[in-house]
Amino acid sequence: MANSTVWWLIAGAAIVLELLSGTVYLLLLGVGFAAAAVAAHMGFSPTTQMVVAAIVGIGAVLAWYAVRRGRPAEAPSRANRNVNLDIGERVHVPRWASDGTAAVRYRGAQWTVVPRPGTIPIAGEHQVVEMHGNRLVVEPV
């Protein structure tokens, strides 16, 4: 069996394992294996093929790590607007109960709201900043 065929099979196996595991790192290593297959097609020695696979694969992983590290961390799902479309919406709190909660009408239903820790519960317009279960965590606008 030709060296290029072996490299293509290894690259395919890495991609299949990546699909099963759900990580991107095996896909990036698969790119390195594919680069080694191309090097084998070009007639390079097996040692050079392994060096190409290592440099391209590890380089891709390190580049992906640098890109991910440079991005700001995502908010937790309870406060992430991409996960919960209620984050950022406004509600009107007519009055607060003595236990620190309030009942508001929002999206056609009664909701319990609680103030964000560190804020003073005052009546008026509030913005939803988080959700804890079925309670909206709000802060004054």
N, C-alpha and C. Protein backbone atom coordinates (compact mmCIF):
# COMPACT_ATOMS: atom_id res chain seq x y z
N MET A 1 0.85 -1.17 0.00
CA MET A 1 0.00 0.00 0.00
C MET A 1 0.90 1.24 0.00
N ALA A 2 0.53 2.21 -0.80
CA ALA A 2 1.34 3.43 -0.93
C ALA A 2 1.23 4.28 0.35
N ASN A 3 2.31 5.03 0.59
CA ASN A 3 2.31 5.90 1.77
C ASN A 3 1.17 6.91 1.74
N SER A 4 0.88 7.44 0.57
CA SER A 4 -0.19 8.44 0.47
C SER A 4 -1.54 7.83 0.86
N THR A 5 -1.77 6.58 0.50
CA THR A 5 -3.03 5.90 0.86
C THR A 5 -3.14 5.76 2.38
N VAL A 6 -2.04 5.40 3.01
CA VAL A 6 -2.04 5.26 4.47
C VAL A 6 -2.35 6.60 5.12
N TRP A 7 -1.72 7.68 4.63
CA TRP A 7 -1.99 9.01 5.20
C TRP A 7 -3.44 9.41 4.99
N TRP A 8 -4.01 9.12 3.80
CA TRP A 8 -5.42 9.47 3.56
C TRP A 8 -6.34 8.68 4.48
N LEU A 9 -6.02 7.41 4.74
CA LEU A 9 -6.83 6.60 5.66
C LEU A 9 -6.74 7.14 7.09
N ILE A 10 -5.53 7.54 7.50
CA ILE A 10 -5.37 8.11 8.84
C ILE A 10 -6.14 9.43 8.95
N ALA A 11 -6.06 10.26 7.90
CA ALA A 11 -6.81 11.53 7.90
C ALA A 11 -8.30 11.27 7.98
N GLY A 12 -8.79 10.30 7.22
CA GLY A 12 -10.22 9.95 7.27
C GLY A 12 -10.63 9.44 8.64
N ALA A 13 -9.79 8.61 9.25
CA ALA A 13 -10.10 8.10 10.59
C ALA A 13 -10.14 9.23 11.62
N ALA A 14 -9.22 10.19 11.49
CA ALA A 14 -9.22 11.33 12.42
C ALA A 14 -10.50 12.15 12.26
N ILE A 15 -10.94 12.32 11.03
CA ILE A 15 -12.17 13.09 10.79
C ILE A 15 -13.38 12.35 11.34
N VAL A 16 -13.43 11.04 11.15
CA VAL A 16 -14.55 10.25 11.70
C VAL A 16 -14.55 10.34 13.23
N LEU A 17 -13.39 10.20 13.85
CA LEU A 17 -13.31 10.31 15.31
C LEU A 17 -13.71 11.70 15.78
N GLU A 18 -13.36 12.73 14.99
CA GLU A 18 -13.75 14.09 15.35
C GLU A 18 -15.27 14.23 15.30
N LEU A 19 -15.90 13.66 14.30
CA LEU A 19 -17.36 13.72 14.21
C LEU A 19 -18.02 13.00 15.37
N LEU A 20 -17.42 11.95 15.85
CA LEU A 20 -17.97 11.21 16.98
C LEU A 20 -17.74 11.92 18.31
N SER A 21 -16.61 12.63 18.41
CA SER A 21 -16.28 13.26 19.69
C SER A 21 -16.79 14.69 19.79
N GLY A 22 -16.92 15.38 18.68
CA GLY A 22 -17.43 16.74 18.71
C GLY A 22 -16.38 17.80 19.01
N THR A 23 -15.11 17.44 18.96
CA THR A 23 -14.06 18.44 19.15
C THR A 23 -13.51 18.84 17.80
N VAL A 24 -12.90 19.99 17.74
CA VAL A 24 -12.34 20.45 16.48
C VAL A 24 -10.87 20.04 16.35
N TYR A 25 -10.26 19.60 17.42
CA TYR A 25 -8.83 19.34 17.40
C TYR A 25 -8.46 18.15 16.52
N LEU A 26 -9.26 17.10 16.52
CA LEU A 26 -8.97 15.97 15.65
C LEU A 26 -9.12 16.34 14.18
N LEU A 27 -10.03 17.25 13.89
CA LEU A 27 -10.18 17.74 12.52
C LEU A 27 -8.91 18.48 12.09
N LEU A 28 -8.36 19.27 12.98
CA LEU A 28 -7.14 20.01 12.67
C LEU A 28 -5.95 19.05 12.50
N LEU A 29 -5.90 18.02 13.30
CA LEU A 29 -4.85 17.01 13.11
C LEU A 29 -5.06 16.27 11.80
N GLY A 30 -6.32 16.06 11.43
CA GLY A 30 -6.63 15.45 10.14
C GLY A 30 -6.11 16.27 8.98
N VAL A 31 -6.14 17.58 9.12
CA VAL A 31 -5.56 18.46 8.09
C VAL A 31 -4.06 18.19 7.99
N GLY A 32 -3.41 18.00 9.12
CA GLY A 32 -1.98 17.66 9.10
C GLY A 32 -1.73 16.33 8.40
N PHE A 33 -2.57 15.34 8.66
CA PHE A 33 -2.42 14.05 8.00
C PHE A 33 -2.67 14.17 6.50
N ALA A 34 -3.63 14.99 6.10
CA ALA A 34 -3.88 15.22 4.68
C ALA A 34 -2.68 15.91 4.03
N ALA A 35 -2.05 16.84 4.74
CA ALA A 35 -0.85 17.49 4.22
C ALA A 35 0.28 16.47 4.02
N ALA A 36 0.37 15.51 4.93
CA ALA A 36 1.38 14.46 4.78
C ALA A 36 1.06 13.59 3.57
N ALA A 37 -0.23 13.35 3.30
CA ALA A 37 -0.61 12.58 2.11
C ALA A 37 -0.20 13.32 0.84
N VAL A 38 -0.41 14.63 0.84
CA VAL A 38 0.01 15.44 -0.32
C VAL A 38 1.52 15.38 -0.47
N ALA A 39 2.24 15.44 0.65
CA ALA A 39 3.70 15.32 0.60
C ALA A 39 4.12 13.97 0.04
N ALA A 40 3.38 12.91 0.38
CA ALA A 40 3.68 11.58 -0.15
C ALA A 40 3.43 11.54 -1.66
N HIS A 41 2.36 12.19 -2.12
CA HIS A 41 2.09 12.26 -3.56
C HIS A 41 3.21 13.00 -4.29
N MET A 42 3.83 13.96 -3.62
CA MET A 42 4.90 14.74 -4.24
C MET A 42 6.24 14.00 -4.21
N GLY A 43 6.28 12.85 -3.54
CA GLY A 43 7.47 12.02 -3.56
C GLY A 43 8.44 12.26 -2.43
N PHE A 44 8.03 12.97 -1.39
CA PHE A 44 8.92 13.19 -0.25
C PHE A 44 9.11 11.90 0.55
N SER A 45 10.18 11.84 1.31
CA SER A 45 10.49 10.65 2.10
C SER A 45 9.50 10.50 3.26
N PRO A 46 9.38 9.28 3.80
CA PRO A 46 8.47 9.08 4.94
C PRO A 46 8.80 9.97 6.14
N THR A 47 10.08 10.24 6.37
CA THR A 47 10.45 11.11 7.47
C THR A 47 9.93 12.53 7.24
N THR A 48 10.08 13.01 6.02
CA THR A 48 9.57 14.34 5.69
C THR A 48 8.05 14.38 5.80
N GLN A 49 7.39 13.31 5.40
CA GLN A 49 5.93 13.23 5.50
C GLN A 49 5.48 13.35 6.96
N MET A 50 6.20 12.68 7.86
CA MET A 50 5.85 12.76 9.28
C MET A 50 6.10 14.16 9.83
N VAL A 51 7.17 14.79 9.40
CA VAL A 51 7.47 16.15 9.85
C VAL A 51 6.39 17.10 9.34
N VAL A 52 5.97 16.93 8.08
CA VAL A 52 4.90 17.77 7.53
C VAL A 52 3.62 17.57 8.32
N ALA A 53 3.27 16.32 8.61
CA ALA A 53 2.05 16.04 9.38
C ALA A 53 2.12 16.70 10.75
N ALA A 54 3.28 16.61 11.40
CA ALA A 54 3.43 17.19 12.74
C ALA A 54 3.37 18.71 12.69
N ILE A 55 4.08 19.32 11.77
CA ILE A 55 4.12 20.78 11.70
C ILE A 55 2.75 21.35 11.34
N VAL A 56 2.11 20.79 10.32
CA VAL A 56 0.81 21.32 9.90
C VAL A 56 -0.26 21.04 10.95
N GLY A 57 -0.30 19.81 11.47
CA GLY A 57 -1.31 19.45 12.47
C GLY A 57 -1.18 20.23 13.75
N ILE A 58 0.02 20.24 14.31
CA ILE A 58 0.23 20.96 15.56
C ILE A 58 0.12 22.46 15.35
N GLY A 59 0.59 22.94 14.20
CA GLY A 59 0.44 24.36 13.88
C GLY A 59 -1.01 24.78 13.80
N ALA A 60 -1.84 23.94 13.20
CA ALA A 60 -3.28 24.25 13.11
C ALA A 60 -3.92 24.26 14.49
N VAL A 61 -3.55 23.31 15.33
CA VAL A 61 -4.10 23.27 16.69
C VAL A 61 -3.67 24.50 17.48
N LEU A 62 -2.40 24.88 17.38
CA LEU A 62 -1.92 26.06 18.09
C LEU A 62 -2.58 27.34 17.56
N ALA A 63 -2.78 27.42 16.26
CA ALA A 63 -3.45 28.59 15.69
C ALA A 63 -4.89 28.67 16.19
N TRP A 64 -5.59 27.53 16.22
CA TRP A 64 -6.97 27.51 16.72
C TRP A 64 -7.00 27.91 18.20
N TYR A 65 -6.05 27.43 18.96
CA TYR A 65 -5.98 27.79 20.38
C TYR A 65 -5.77 29.29 20.55
N ALA A 66 -4.90 29.87 19.73
CA ALA A 66 -4.64 31.31 19.82
C ALA A 66 -5.88 32.11 19.43
N VAL A 67 -6.60 31.67 18.43
CA VAL A 67 -7.82 32.37 18.01
C VAL A 67 -8.87 32.30 19.13
N ARG A 68 -9.06 31.13 19.70
CA ARG A 68 -10.05 30.98 20.77
C ARG A 68 -9.66 31.75 22.02
N ARG A 69 -8.38 31.80 22.32
CA ARG A 69 -7.93 32.51 23.51
C ARG A 69 -8.11 34.01 23.35
N GLY A 70 -8.02 34.51 22.15
CA GLY A 70 -8.16 35.94 21.89
C GLY A 70 -9.59 36.44 21.97
N ARG A 71 -10.56 35.55 21.87
CA ARG A 71 -11.97 35.95 21.94
C ARG A 71 -12.40 36.14 23.39
N PRO A 72 -13.31 37.09 23.62
CA PRO A 72 -13.83 37.22 24.98
C PRO A 72 -14.68 36.01 25.35
N ALA A 73 -14.69 35.68 26.62
CA ALA A 73 -15.46 34.53 27.09
C ALA A 73 -16.95 34.81 26.95
N GLU A 74 -17.69 33.79 26.58
CA GLU A 74 -19.14 33.95 26.44
C GLU A 74 -19.78 33.99 27.82
N ALA A 75 -20.88 34.73 27.89
CA ALA A 75 -21.64 34.79 29.14
C ALA A 75 -22.26 33.43 29.41
N PRO A 76 -22.52 33.11 30.68
CA PRO A 76 -23.20 31.84 30.96
C PRO A 76 -24.57 31.83 30.28
N SER A 77 -25.09 30.66 30.02
CA SER A 77 -26.33 30.54 29.24
C SER A 77 -27.50 31.27 29.89
N ARG A 78 -27.52 31.39 31.20
CA ARG A 78 -28.65 32.08 31.84
C ARG A 78 -28.61 33.58 31.61
N ALA A 79 -27.45 34.12 31.14
CA ALA A 79 -27.33 35.55 30.88
C ALA A 79 -26.90 35.85 29.45
N ASN A 80 -26.98 34.85 28.57
CA ASN A 80 -26.51 34.99 27.20
C ASN A 80 -27.70 35.19 26.26
N ARG A 81 -27.74 36.32 25.58
CA ARG A 81 -28.85 36.62 24.67
C ARG A 81 -28.90 35.66 23.49
N ASN A 82 -27.80 35.06 23.11
CA ASN A 82 -27.80 34.09 22.03
C ASN A 82 -28.53 32.80 22.43
N VAL A 83 -28.62 32.55 23.70
CA VAL A 83 -29.30 31.35 24.20
C VAL A 83 -30.72 31.67 24.62
N ASN A 84 -30.90 32.81 25.28
CA ASN A 84 -32.20 33.17 25.83
C ASN A 84 -32.58 34.57 25.32
N LEU A 85 -33.58 34.64 24.48
CA LEU A 85 -33.96 35.91 23.86
C LEU A 85 -34.63 36.88 24.81
N ASP A 86 -34.95 36.46 26.03
CA ASP A 86 -35.54 37.38 27.00
C ASP A 86 -34.49 38.34 27.57
N ILE A 87 -33.21 37.98 27.50
CA ILE A 87 -32.16 38.84 28.03
C ILE A 87 -32.15 40.14 27.23
N GLY A 88 -32.17 41.26 27.95
CA GLY A 88 -32.15 42.56 27.31
C GLY A 88 -33.53 43.16 27.11
N GLU A 89 -34.59 42.38 27.29
CA GLU A 89 -35.94 42.91 27.14
C GLU A 89 -36.31 43.75 28.35
N ARG A 90 -37.29 44.61 28.18
CA ARG A 90 -37.71 45.50 29.27
C ARG A 90 -39.05 45.08 29.83
N VAL A 91 -39.19 45.25 31.13
CA VAL A 91 -40.44 45.00 31.83
C VAL A 91 -40.72 46.17 32.76
N HIS A 92 -41.98 46.38 33.06
CA HIS A 92 -42.36 47.43 34.00
C HIS A 92 -42.74 46.78 35.32
N VAL A 93 -42.02 47.16 36.39
CA VAL A 93 -42.30 46.64 37.74
C VAL A 93 -43.12 47.70 38.46
N PRO A 94 -44.42 47.42 38.73
CA PRO A 94 -45.25 48.42 39.40
C PRO A 94 -44.88 48.59 40.87
N ARG A 95 -44.56 47.48 41.56
CA ARG A 95 -44.16 47.56 42.97
C ARG A 95 -43.48 46.26 43.35
N TRP A 96 -42.66 46.36 44.40
CA TRP A 96 -41.92 45.21 44.90
C TRP A 96 -42.59 44.70 46.17
N ALA A 97 -42.62 43.40 46.33
CA ALA A 97 -43.16 42.80 47.56
C ALA A 97 -42.08 42.84 48.64
N SER A 98 -42.50 42.57 49.87
CA SER A 98 -41.57 42.63 51.00
C SER A 98 -40.49 41.53 50.93
N ASP A 99 -40.76 40.46 50.21
CA ASP A 99 -39.76 39.39 50.10
C ASP A 99 -38.74 39.65 48.98
N GLY A 100 -38.80 40.82 48.35
CA GLY A 100 -37.82 41.17 47.32
C GLY A 100 -38.17 40.68 45.93
N THR A 101 -39.39 40.22 45.72
CA THR A 101 -39.83 39.80 44.40
C THR A 101 -40.94 40.72 43.93
N ALA A 102 -41.27 40.59 42.66
CA ALA A 102 -42.39 41.34 42.09
C ALA A 102 -43.04 40.48 41.02
N ALA A 103 -44.30 40.72 40.80
CA ALA A 103 -45.03 40.02 39.73
C ALA A 103 -45.24 41.01 38.60
N VAL A 104 -44.86 40.60 37.40
CA VAL A 104 -45.03 41.46 36.22
C VAL A 104 -45.71 40.67 35.11
N ARG A 105 -46.34 41.40 34.24
CA ARG A 105 -46.96 40.79 33.06
C ARG A 105 -45.94 40.93 31.92
N TYR A 106 -45.53 39.81 31.39
CA TYR A 106 -44.51 39.80 30.34
C TYR A 106 -44.82 38.67 29.37
N ARG A 107 -44.84 38.94 28.11
CA ARG A 107 -45.16 37.97 27.06
C ARG A 107 -46.50 37.28 27.30
N GLY A 108 -47.45 38.01 27.81
CA GLY A 108 -48.79 37.48 27.99
C GLY A 108 -48.97 36.59 29.20
N ALA A 109 -48.03 36.59 30.12
CA ALA A 109 -48.14 35.72 31.30
C ALA A 109 -47.58 36.46 32.52
N GLN A 110 -47.89 35.95 33.69
CA GLN A 110 -47.35 36.50 34.94
C GLN A 110 -45.97 35.90 35.17
N TRP A 111 -45.02 36.74 35.46
CA TRP A 111 -43.65 36.31 35.76
C TRP A 111 -43.25 36.86 37.11
N THR A 112 -42.40 36.13 37.79
CA THR A 112 -41.80 36.62 39.02
C THR A 112 -40.45 37.20 38.67
N VAL A 113 -40.21 38.42 39.14
CA VAL A 113 -38.91 39.05 38.90
C VAL A 113 -38.22 39.29 40.23
N VAL A 114 -36.90 39.23 40.18
CA VAL A 114 -36.07 39.52 41.35
C VAL A 114 -35.02 40.52 40.91
N PRO A 115 -34.60 41.40 41.82
CA PRO A 115 -33.56 42.37 41.43
C PRO A 115 -32.20 41.70 41.32
N ARG A 116 -31.37 42.23 40.46
CA ARG A 116 -30.00 41.74 40.35
C ARG A 116 -29.30 42.02 41.68
N PRO A 117 -28.48 41.09 42.17
CA PRO A 117 -27.77 41.34 43.43
C PRO A 117 -26.97 42.64 43.36
N GLY A 118 -27.13 43.42 44.40
CA GLY A 118 -26.42 44.69 44.48
C GLY A 118 -27.22 45.88 43.98
N THR A 119 -28.42 45.63 43.45
CA THR A 119 -29.26 46.74 43.00
C THR A 119 -30.40 46.94 43.99
N ILE A 120 -30.88 48.16 44.07
CA ILE A 120 -31.97 48.50 44.97
C ILE A 120 -33.30 48.30 44.22
N PRO A 121 -34.22 47.53 44.78
CA PRO A 121 -35.50 47.32 44.09
C PRO A 121 -36.36 48.58 44.14
N ILE A 122 -36.51 49.22 42.99
CA ILE A 122 -37.38 50.39 42.87
C ILE A 122 -38.38 50.12 41.76
N ALA A 123 -39.55 50.72 41.86
CA ALA A 123 -40.58 50.55 40.84
C ALA A 123 -40.17 51.29 39.57
N GLY A 124 -40.62 50.78 38.44
CA GLY A 124 -40.35 51.44 37.17
C GLY A 124 -39.86 50.46 36.12
N GLU A 125 -39.25 51.02 35.08
CA GLU A 125 -38.74 50.22 33.96
C GLU A 125 -37.48 49.47 34.38
N HIS A 126 -37.43 48.20 34.01
CA HIS A 126 -36.28 47.36 34.30
C HIS A 126 -35.90 46.57 33.05
N GLN A 127 -34.67 46.12 33.03
CA GLN A 127 -34.18 45.31 31.92
C GLN A 127 -33.82 43.92 32.44
N VAL A 128 -34.20 42.90 31.71
CA VAL A 128 -33.90 41.52 32.09
C VAL A 128 -32.41 41.27 31.81
N VAL A 129 -31.68 40.85 32.83
CA VAL A 129 -30.25 40.58 32.68
C VAL A 129 -29.90 39.10 32.80
N GLU A 130 -30.75 38.34 33.47
CA GLU A 130 -30.52 36.90 33.63
C GLU A 130 -31.85 36.21 33.85
N MET A 131 -31.79 34.88 33.76
CA MET A 131 -32.94 34.07 34.13
C MET A 131 -32.46 32.99 35.08
N HIS A 132 -33.15 32.85 36.20
CA HIS A 132 -32.88 31.78 37.15
C HIS A 132 -34.14 30.93 37.19
N GLY A 133 -34.10 29.80 36.50
CA GLY A 133 -35.30 28.97 36.42
C GLY A 133 -36.40 29.72 35.71
N ASN A 134 -37.53 29.93 36.41
CA ASN A 134 -38.63 30.68 35.80
C ASN A 134 -38.72 32.10 36.35
N ARG A 135 -37.66 32.59 36.95
CA ARG A 135 -37.63 33.95 37.48
C ARG A 135 -36.73 34.82 36.61
N LEU A 136 -37.20 36.05 36.37
CA LEU A 136 -36.40 37.00 35.62
C LEU A 136 -35.59 37.83 36.61
N VAL A 137 -34.31 37.95 36.37
CA VAL A 137 -33.45 38.81 37.17
C VAL A 137 -33.34 40.12 36.41
N VAL A 138 -33.70 41.23 37.08
CA VAL A 138 -33.77 42.52 36.40
C VAL A 138 -32.93 43.56 37.10
N GLU A 139 -32.62 44.62 36.35
CA GLU A 139 -31.97 45.79 36.92
C GLU A 139 -32.64 47.02 36.35
N PRO A 140 -32.65 48.13 37.10
CA PRO A 140 -33.30 49.34 36.60
C PRO A 140 -32.62 49.84 35.33
N VAL A 141 -33.43 50.44 34.47
CA VAL A 141 -32.91 50.99 33.22
C VAL A 141 -32.42 52.40 33.45
